[in-house]
Amino acid sequence: LLAAAAQAGGAITQILVTHTHRDHSPGAVALAQATGAPVWGRTALHPQWQDPLFAPQRELQHGDGITLAGPGECSTLRVLHTPPATPGHASNHLCYLLEEERTLFTGDHVMQGSTVVINPPDGDMAAYLASLRVLLGIQLDWLAPGHGFLVARPHDVLRGLIAHRLRREARVRAALQGQPPQCIDTLLPVVYADVPAAMHPMARRSLLAHLLKLQQDGAARLDAAGVRWSAAADG
């Protein structure tokens, strides 16, 4: 990044963090030390799986505009902390919209060629679906994910992600329907039968997020021991 900035004849003046999962924000400290640039972003609501050293000099808010000025040009990065209060993948996840080019830097909110893990308590499946729908209302030409390459036809991608999550939710409903209460590890190989077993530990987190969403929707319930899930009588 430093070499790229030098080659472009510019300097790093702000370090913008999408979220504080440990494969994203830890490098901000070293970059700030090397450049003197401030770190901007948000802190997470829950500490699990987060970068414990992250301490932004500025807490960004949804709708903030960051002016990018260069020789003879000026552009704006718009901060998106999509409603409701948490974007879903992480409570503090930010996307950055380069307005003039309709390019959205998505971090982990949208990745190229794969879905993202929604990991409660900081991850929220209902919020994730809602935030994807919010992005459908924004004019976009490109997605620039934190994992992968530039992605064209953003709205098709967003609709595909929503459809995928709803299909998975339907599989959870089907696995619960007409069955005695089941623990999450019994449901996992049924709901994610199409996913290699090596990926099941990661899928387990998203399964919990789906179950919590269905509980919120009144379609699933958790027993008093907090172990086994079943379909709600009115779900």
C-alpha atoms as a PDB file:
ATOM      1  CA  LEU A   1       0.000   0.000   0.000  1.00  0.00           C
ATOM      2  CA  LEU A   2       2.833   2.399   0.853  1.00  0.00           C
ATOM      3  CA  ALA A   3       4.583   1.607  -2.436  1.00  0.00           C
ATOM      4  CA  ALA A   4       1.347   2.100  -4.367  1.00  0.00           C
ATOM      5  CA  ALA A   5       0.778   5.495  -2.750  1.00  0.00           C
ATOM      6  CA  ALA A   6       4.331   6.596  -3.493  1.00  0.00           C
ATOM      7  CA  GLN A   7       4.063   5.441  -7.112  1.00  0.00           C
ATOM      8  CA  ALA A   8       0.835   7.401  -7.497  1.00  0.00           C
ATOM      9  CA  GLY A   9       2.581  10.484  -6.187  1.00  0.00           C
ATOM     10  CA  GLY A  10       0.291  10.777  -3.196  1.00  0.00           C
ATOM     11  CA  ALA A  11       0.361  10.233   0.520  1.00  0.00           C
ATOM     12  CA  ILE A  12      -1.793   8.209   2.883  1.00  0.00           C
ATOM     13  CA  THR A  13      -3.766  10.768   4.878  1.00  0.00           C
ATOM     14  CA  GLN A  14      -6.527   8.614   6.406  1.00  0.00           C
ATOM     15  CA  ILE A  15      -6.739   4.925   7.199  1.00  0.00           C
ATOM     16  CA  LEU A  16     -10.334   3.773   6.813  1.00  0.00           C
ATOM     17  CA  VAL A  17     -11.267   0.483   8.463  1.00  0.00           C
ATOM     18  CA  THR A  18     -14.319  -1.494   7.393  1.00  0.00           C
ATOM     19  CA  HIS A  19     -14.567  -3.568  10.584  1.00  0.00           C
ATOM     20  CA  THR A  20     -12.461  -5.071  13.336  1.00  0.00           C
ATOM     21  CA  HIS A  21     -12.345  -8.776  12.600  1.00  0.00           C
ATOM     22  CA  ARG A  22      -8.810  -9.993  13.076  1.00  0.00           C
ATOM     23  CA  ASP A  23      -8.097 -10.496   9.384  1.00  0.00           C
ATOM     24  CA  HIS A  24      -8.868  -6.834   8.668  1.00  0.00           C
ATOM     25  CA  SER A  25      -8.031  -4.117  11.195  1.00  0.00           C
ATOM     26  CA  PRO A  26      -4.783  -5.211  12.941  1.00  0.00           C
ATOM     27  CA  GLY A  27      -2.611  -3.872  10.108  1.00  0.00           C
ATOM     28  CA  ALA A  28      -3.970  -0.385  10.730  1.00  0.00           C
ATOM     29  CA  VAL A  29      -1.673   0.105  13.716  1.00  0.00           C
ATOM     30  CA  ALA A  30       1.516  -0.535  11.740  1.00  0.00           C
ATOM     31  CA  LEU A  31       0.249   1.555   8.834  1.00  0.00           C
ATOM     32  CA  ALA A  32      -0.537   4.464  11.137  1.00  0.00           C
ATOM     33  CA  GLN A  33       2.923   4.234  12.679  1.00  0.00           C
ATOM     34  CA  ALA A  34       4.537   4.247   9.232  1.00  0.00           C
ATOM     35  CA  THR A  35       2.521   7.136   7.814  1.00  0.00           C
ATOM     36  CA  GLY A  36       1.303   9.219  10.730  1.00  0.00           C
ATOM     37  CA  ALA A  37      -2.212   9.000   9.267  1.00  0.00           C
ATOM     38  CA  PRO A  38      -5.175   8.735  11.643  1.00  0.00           C
ATOM     39  CA  VAL A  39      -7.279   5.575  11.834  1.00  0.00           C
ATOM     40  CA  TRP A  40     -11.016   6.004  11.292  1.00  0.00           C
ATOM     41  CA  GLY A  41     -13.737   3.419  11.794  1.00  0.00           C
ATOM     42  CA  ARG A  42     -16.078   2.107  14.490  1.00  0.00           C
ATOM     43  CA  THR A  43     -15.723  -0.087  17.540  1.00  0.00           C
ATOM     44  CA  ALA A  44     -17.752  -3.286  17.773  1.00  0.00           C
ATOM     45  CA  LEU A  45     -20.618  -3.895  20.179  1.00  0.00           C
ATOM     46  CA  HIS A  46     -19.265  -7.324  21.191  1.00  0.00           C
ATOM     47  CA  PRO A  47     -15.586  -8.210  21.819  1.00  0.00           C
ATOM     48  CA  GLN A  48     -15.684 -11.815  20.565  1.00  0.00           C
ATOM     49  CA  TRP A  49     -13.516 -12.362  17.456  1.00  0.00           C
ATOM     50  CA  GLN A  50     -12.594  -8.667  17.367  1.00  0.00           C
ATOM     51  CA  ASP A  51      -9.236  -6.886  17.187  1.00  0.00           C
ATOM     52  CA  PRO A  52      -8.665  -5.852  20.835  1.00  0.00           C
ATOM     53  CA  LEU A  53      -6.149  -3.137  19.925  1.00  0.00           C
ATOM     54  CA  PHE A  54      -8.414  -1.185  17.590  1.00  0.00           C
ATOM     55  CA  ALA A  55      -8.904   2.386  18.797  1.00  0.00           C
ATOM     56  CA  PRO A  56     -10.081   4.750  16.055  1.00  0.00           C
ATOM     57  CA  GLN A  57      -9.234   8.430  16.314  1.00  0.00           C
ATOM     58  CA  ARG A  58     -12.605   9.137  14.709  1.00  0.00           C
ATOM     59  CA  GLU A  59     -15.801   7.128  15.052  1.00  0.00           C
ATOM     60  CA  LEU A  60     -17.463   7.278  11.660  1.00  0.00           C
ATOM     61  CA  GLN A  61     -21.233   7.527  11.343  1.00  0.00           C
ATOM     62  CA  HIS A  62     -23.629   6.427   8.617  1.00  0.00           C
ATOM     63  CA  GLY A  63     -23.814   9.137   5.967  1.00  0.00           C
ATOM     64  CA  ASP A  64     -20.496  10.820   6.773  1.00  0.00           C
ATOM     65  CA  GLY A  65     -18.734  12.207   3.712  1.00  0.00           C
ATOM     66  CA  ILE A  66     -14.956  12.029   3.372  1.00  0.00           C
ATOM     67  CA  THR A  67     -13.491  14.393   0.790  1.00  0.00           C
ATOM     68  CA  LEU A  68     -10.624  13.009  -1.270  1.00  0.00           C
ATOM     69  CA  ALA A  69      -8.655  15.819  -2.867  1.00  0.00           C
ATOM     70  CA  GLY A  70      -5.934  15.402  -5.467  1.00  0.00           C
ATOM     71  CA  PRO A  71      -4.290  17.496  -8.179  1.00  0.00           C
ATOM     72  CA  GLY A  72      -7.164  19.038 -10.134  1.00  0.00           C
ATOM     73  CA  GLU A  73      -9.786  16.645  -8.802  1.00  0.00           C
ATOM     74  CA  CYS A  74     -11.987  16.032  -5.815  1.00  0.00           C
ATOM     75  CA  SER A  75     -14.170  13.073  -4.945  1.00  0.00           C
ATOM     76  CA  THR A  76     -16.228  11.858  -2.015  1.00  0.00           C
ATOM     77  CA  LEU A  77     -16.315   8.645  -0.043  1.00  0.00           C
ATOM     78  CA  ARG A  78     -19.703   8.186   1.608  1.00  0.00           C
ATOM     79  CA  VAL A  79     -19.758   6.102   4.790  1.00  0.00           C
ATOM     80  CA  LEU A  80     -22.473   3.423   4.901  1.00  0.00           C
ATOM     81  CA  HIS A  81     -23.292   1.809   8.229  1.00  0.00           C
ATOM     82  CA  THR A  82     -26.482   0.483   6.753  1.00  0.00           C
ATOM     83  CA  PRO A  83     -29.629   0.501   8.930  1.00  0.00           C
ATOM     84  CA  PRO A  84     -30.814  -1.025  11.162  1.00  0.00           C
ATOM     85  CA  ALA A  85     -28.272  -0.389  13.925  1.00  0.00           C
ATOM     86  CA  THR A  86     -25.978  -3.235  12.854  1.00  0.00           C
ATOM     87  CA  PRO A  87     -25.172  -4.194   9.242  1.00  0.00           C
ATOM     88  CA  GLY A  88     -25.170  -7.919  10.026  1.00  0.00           C
ATOM     89  CA  HIS A  89     -21.706  -9.304   9.328  1.00  0.00           C
ATOM     90  CA  ALA A  90     -20.311  -7.217  12.169  1.00  0.00           C
ATOM     91  CA  SER A  91     -21.969  -4.571  14.306  1.00  0.00           C
ATOM     92  CA  ASN A  92     -19.353  -1.991  13.338  1.00  0.00           C
ATOM     93  CA  HIS A  93     -19.042  -2.879   9.657  1.00  0.00           C
ATOM     94  CA  LEU A  94     -18.709   0.079   7.306  1.00  0.00           C
ATOM     95  CA  CYS A  95     -18.860   0.212   3.522  1.00  0.00           C
ATOM     96  CA  TYR A  96     -17.419   3.168   1.637  1.00  0.00           C
ATOM     97  CA  LEU A  97     -19.103   4.471  -1.502  1.00  0.00           C
ATOM     98  CA  LEU A  98     -16.909   6.339  -3.989  1.00  0.00           C
ATOM     99  CA  GLU A  99     -19.782   8.441  -5.221  1.00  0.00           C
ATOM    100  CA  GLU A 100     -18.318   9.755  -8.469  1.00  0.00           C
ATOM    101  CA  GLU A 101     -17.541   6.233  -9.709  1.00  0.00           C
ATOM    102  CA  ARG A 102     -20.488   4.452  -8.056  1.00  0.00           C
ATOM    103  CA  THR A 103     -18.011   1.992  -6.582  1.00  0.00           C
ATOM    104  CA  LEU A 104     -18.737   0.456  -3.186  1.00  0.00           C
ATOM    105  CA  PHE A 105     -15.820  -0.783  -1.070  1.00  0.00           C
ATOM    106  CA  THR A 106     -17.616  -3.588   0.734  1.00  0.00           C
ATOM    107  CA  GLY A 107     -15.080  -5.083   3.133  1.00  0.00           C
ATOM    108  CA  ASP A 108     -16.688  -8.371   4.156  1.00  0.00           C
ATOM    109  CA  HIS A 109     -20.268  -7.207   3.652  1.00  0.00           C
ATOM    110  CA  VAL A 110     -20.124  -8.654   0.131  1.00  0.00           C
ATOM    111  CA  MET A 111     -17.283 -10.875  -1.085  1.00  0.00           C
ATOM    112  CA  GLN A 112     -16.486 -12.135  -4.547  1.00  0.00           C
ATOM    113  CA  GLY A 113     -17.684 -15.658  -5.263  1.00  0.00           C
ATOM    114  CA  SER A 114     -18.720 -16.624  -1.744  1.00  0.00           C
ATOM    115  CA  THR A 115     -21.006 -15.737   1.119  1.00  0.00           C
ATOM    116  CA  VAL A 116     -19.863 -14.321   4.448  1.00  0.00           C
ATOM    117  CA  VAL A 117     -20.149 -15.847   7.893  1.00  0.00           C
ATOM    118  CA  ILE A 118     -22.731 -14.253  10.179  1.00  0.00           C
ATOM    119  CA  ASN A 119     -21.468 -14.924  13.682  1.00  0.00           C
ATOM    120  CA  PRO A 120     -23.693 -14.030  16.667  1.00  0.00           C
ATOM    121  CA  PRO A 121     -23.747 -12.180  18.942  1.00  0.00           C
ATOM    122  CA  ASP A 122     -22.000  -9.491  16.895  1.00  0.00           C
ATOM    123  CA  GLY A 123     -23.394 -10.865  13.643  1.00  0.00           C
ATOM    124  CA  ASP A 124     -27.130 -10.675  12.976  1.00  0.00           C
ATOM    125  CA  MET A 125     -28.844 -12.465  10.084  1.00  0.00           C
ATOM    126  CA  ALA A 126     -31.986 -10.313  10.056  1.00  0.00           C
ATOM    127  CA  ALA A 127     -29.864  -7.166  10.003  1.00  0.00           C
ATOM    128  CA  TYR A 128     -27.655  -8.601   7.254  1.00  0.00           C
ATOM    129  CA  LEU A 129     -30.608  -9.267   4.965  1.00  0.00           C
ATOM    130  CA  ALA A 130     -32.034  -5.826   5.702  1.00  0.00           C
ATOM    131  CA  SER A 131     -28.734  -4.123   4.950  1.00  0.00           C
ATOM    132  CA  LEU A 132     -28.371  -5.951   1.632  1.00  0.00           C
ATOM    133  CA  ARG A 133     -31.816  -4.656   0.684  1.00  0.00           C
ATOM    134  CA  VAL A 134     -30.731  -1.114   1.616  1.00  0.00           C
ATOM    135  CA  LEU A 135     -27.854  -1.381  -0.869  1.00  0.00           C
ATOM    136  CA  LEU A 136     -30.335  -2.291  -3.618  1.00  0.00           C
ATOM    137  CA  GLY A 137     -31.601   1.269  -3.352  1.00  0.00           C
ATOM    138  CA  ILE A 138     -28.193   2.807  -4.117  1.00  0.00           C
ATOM    139  CA  GLN A 139     -26.929   3.393  -7.653  1.00  0.00           C
ATOM    140  CA  LEU A 140     -23.871   1.166  -8.027  1.00  0.00           C
ATOM    141  CA  ASP A 141     -21.654   0.196 -10.940  1.00  0.00           C
ATOM    142  CA  TRP A 142     -18.996  -1.805  -9.106  1.00  0.00           C
ATOM    143  CA  LEU A 143     -18.334  -3.654  -5.874  1.00  0.00           C
ATOM    144  CA  ALA A 144     -14.791  -3.651  -4.498  1.00  0.00           C
ATOM    145  CA  PRO A 145     -14.722  -6.397  -1.840  1.00  0.00           C
ATOM    146  CA  GLY A 146     -12.126  -6.952   0.843  1.00  0.00           C
ATOM    147  CA  HIS A 147     -11.706 -10.521  -0.463  1.00  0.00           C
ATOM    148  CA  GLY A 148     -11.593 -10.928  -4.227  1.00  0.00           C
ATOM    149  CA  PHE A 149     -11.600  -8.596  -7.217  1.00  0.00           C
ATOM    150  CA  LEU A 150     -13.861  -5.928  -8.650  1.00  0.00           C
ATOM    151  CA  VAL A 151     -17.394  -7.231  -9.160  1.00  0.00           C
ATOM    152  CA  ALA A 152     -19.719  -5.966 -11.906  1.00  0.00           C
ATOM    153  CA  ARG A 153     -23.555  -5.945 -11.902  1.00  0.00           C
ATOM    154  CA  PRO A 154     -23.757  -5.171  -8.151  1.00  0.00           C
ATOM    155  CA  HIS A 155     -27.525  -5.366  -7.849  1.00  0.00           C
ATOM    156  CA  ASP A 156     -27.620  -8.823  -9.422  1.00  0.00           C
ATOM    157  CA  VAL A 157     -25.015  -9.929  -6.889  1.00  0.00           C
ATOM    158  CA  LEU A 158     -26.978  -8.441  -3.999  1.00  0.00           C
ATOM    159  CA  ARG A 159     -30.213 -10.073  -5.120  1.00  0.00           C
ATOM    160  CA  GLY A 160     -28.367 -13.368  -5.471  1.00  0.00           C
ATOM    161  CA  LEU A 161     -27.041 -13.122  -1.912  1.00  0.00           C
ATOM    162  CA  ILE A 162     -30.490 -12.372  -0.541  1.00  0.00           C
ATOM    163  CA  ALA A 163     -31.971 -15.319  -2.442  1.00  0.00           C
ATOM    164  CA  HIS A 164     -29.198 -17.610  -1.198  1.00  0.00           C
ATOM    165  CA  ARG A 165     -29.790 -16.658   2.427  1.00  0.00           C
ATOM    166  CA  LEU A 166     -33.529 -17.142   2.090  1.00  0.00           C
ATOM    167  CA  ARG A 167     -33.009 -20.582   0.518  1.00  0.00           C
ATOM    168  CA  ARG A 168     -30.795 -21.519   3.458  1.00  0.00           C
ATOM    169  CA  GLU A 169     -33.429 -20.222   5.848  1.00  0.00           C
ATOM    170  CA  ALA A 170     -35.995 -22.434   4.097  1.00  0.00           C
ATOM    171  CA  ARG A 171     -33.734 -25.442   4.676  1.00  0.00           C
ATOM    172  CA  VAL A 172     -33.543 -24.599   8.372  1.00  0.00           C
ATOM    173  CA  ARG A 173     -37.336 -24.395   8.536  1.00  0.00           C
ATOM    174  CA  ALA A 174     -37.656 -27.738   6.744  1.00  0.00           C
ATOM    175  CA  ALA A 175     -35.149 -29.396   9.087  1.00  0.00           C
ATOM    176  CA  LEU A 176     -37.157 -28.252  12.116  1.00  0.00           C
ATOM    177  CA  GLN A 177     -40.628 -28.977  10.777  1.00  0.00           C
ATOM    178  CA  GLY A 178     -42.286 -32.049  12.270  1.00  0.00           C
ATOM    179  CA  GLN A 179     -39.168 -33.060  14.187  1.00  0.00           C
ATOM    180  CA  PRO A 180     -38.493 -33.334  17.907  1.00  0.00           C
ATOM    181  CA  PRO A 181     -36.250 -30.622  19.375  1.00  0.00           C
ATOM    182  CA  GLN A 182     -32.729 -30.863  17.951  1.00  0.00           C
ATOM    183  CA  CYS A 183     -29.381 -29.433  18.967  1.00  0.00           C
ATOM    184  CA  ILE A 184     -27.511 -27.285  16.481  1.00  0.00           C
ATOM    185  CA  ASP A 185     -24.921 -29.996  15.770  1.00  0.00           C
ATOM    186  CA  THR A 186     -27.687 -32.359  14.663  1.00  0.00           C
ATOM    187  CA  LEU A 187     -29.171 -29.725  12.377  1.00  0.00           C
ATOM    188  CA  LEU A 188     -25.829 -28.701  10.884  1.00  0.00           C
ATOM    189  CA  PRO A 189     -25.171 -31.652   8.511  1.00  0.00           C
ATOM    190  CA  VAL A 190     -28.791 -31.552   7.352  1.00  0.00           C
ATOM    191  CA  VAL A 191     -29.043 -27.830   6.651  1.00  0.00           C
ATOM    192  CA  TYR A 192     -25.530 -27.663   5.168  1.00  0.00           C
ATOM    193  CA  ALA A 193     -25.487 -31.013   3.375  1.00  0.00           C
ATOM    194  CA  ASP A 194     -24.313 -29.185   0.239  1.00  0.00           C
ATOM    195  CA  VAL A 195     -21.258 -27.744   2.013  1.00  0.00           C
ATOM    196  CA  PRO A 196     -18.037 -29.762   2.557  1.00  0.00           C
ATOM    197  CA  ALA A 197     -17.711 -31.048   6.115  1.00  0.00           C
ATOM    198  CA  ALA A 198     -14.449 -29.156   6.520  1.00  0.00           C
ATOM    199  CA  MET A 199     -16.466 -25.927   6.287  1.00  0.00           C
ATOM    200  CA  HIS A 200     -19.072 -26.945   8.843  1.00  0.00           C
ATOM    201  CA  PRO A 201     -17.402 -25.210  11.830  1.00  0.00           C
ATOM    202  CA  MET A 202     -17.779 -21.904   9.981  1.00  0.00           C
ATOM    203  CA  ALA A 203     -21.268 -22.794   8.742  1.00  0.00           C
ATOM    204  CA  ARG A 204     -22.309 -23.563  12.308  1.00  0.00           C
ATOM    205  CA  ARG A 205     -22.035 -19.872  13.176  1.00  0.00           C
ATOM    206  CA  SER A 206     -24.311 -18.827  10.324  1.00  0.00           C
ATOM    207  CA  LEU A 207     -26.747 -21.620  11.228  1.00  0.00           C
ATOM    208  CA  LEU A 208     -27.047 -20.137  14.702  1.00  0.00           C
ATOM    209  CA  ALA A 209     -27.685 -16.739  13.103  1.00  0.00           C
ATOM    210  CA  HIS A 210     -30.474 -18.244  10.971  1.00  0.00           C
ATOM    211  CA  LEU A 211     -32.028 -19.910  14.012  1.00  0.00           C
ATOM    212  CA  LEU A 212     -31.949 -16.683  16.000  1.00  0.00           C
ATOM    213  CA  LYS A 213     -33.606 -14.855  13.107  1.00  0.00           C
ATOM    214  CA  LEU A 214     -36.348 -17.510  12.937  1.00  0.00           C
ATOM    215  CA  GLN A 215     -36.800 -17.214  16.695  1.00  0.00           C
ATOM    216  CA  GLN A 216     -37.171 -13.449  16.277  1.00  0.00           C
ATOM    217  CA  ASP A 217     -39.688 -14.074  13.491  1.00  0.00           C
ATOM    218  CA  GLY A 218     -41.694 -16.424  15.723  1.00  0.00           C
ATOM    219  CA  ALA A 219     -40.923 -19.454  13.548  1.00  0.00           C
ATOM    220  CA  ALA A 220     -38.456 -21.298  15.836  1.00  0.00           C
ATOM    221  CA  ARG A 221     -38.003 -21.723  19.558  1.00  0.00           C
ATOM    222  CA  LEU A 222     -35.183 -22.739  21.862  1.00  0.00           C
ATOM    223  CA  ASP A 223     -35.842 -25.024  24.835  1.00  0.00           C
ATOM    224  CA  ALA A 224     -35.503 -23.877  28.423  1.00  0.00           C
ATOM    225  CA  ALA A 225     -32.029 -25.392  28.660  1.00  0.00           C
ATOM    226  CA  GLY A 226     -30.885 -23.285  25.723  1.00  0.00           C
ATOM    227  CA  VAL A 227     -29.738 -26.368  23.779  1.00  0.00           C
ATOM    228  CA  ARG A 228     -32.401 -27.728  21.427  1.00  0.00           C
ATOM    229  CA  TRP A 229     -34.345 -26.015  18.672  1.00  0.00           C
ATOM    230  CA  SER A 230     -37.776 -26.803  17.284  1.00  0.00           C
ATOM    231  CA  ALA A 231     -40.344 -25.252  14.997  1.00  0.00           C
ATOM    232  CA  ALA A 232     -42.660 -22.854  16.774  1.00  0.00           C
ATOM    233  CA  ALA A 233     -46.282 -23.958  16.912  1.00  0.00           C
ATOM    234  CA  ASP A 234     -47.388 -20.911  14.942  1.00  0.00           C
ATOM    235  CA  GLY A 235     -44.354 -20.894  12.616  1.00  0.00           C
END
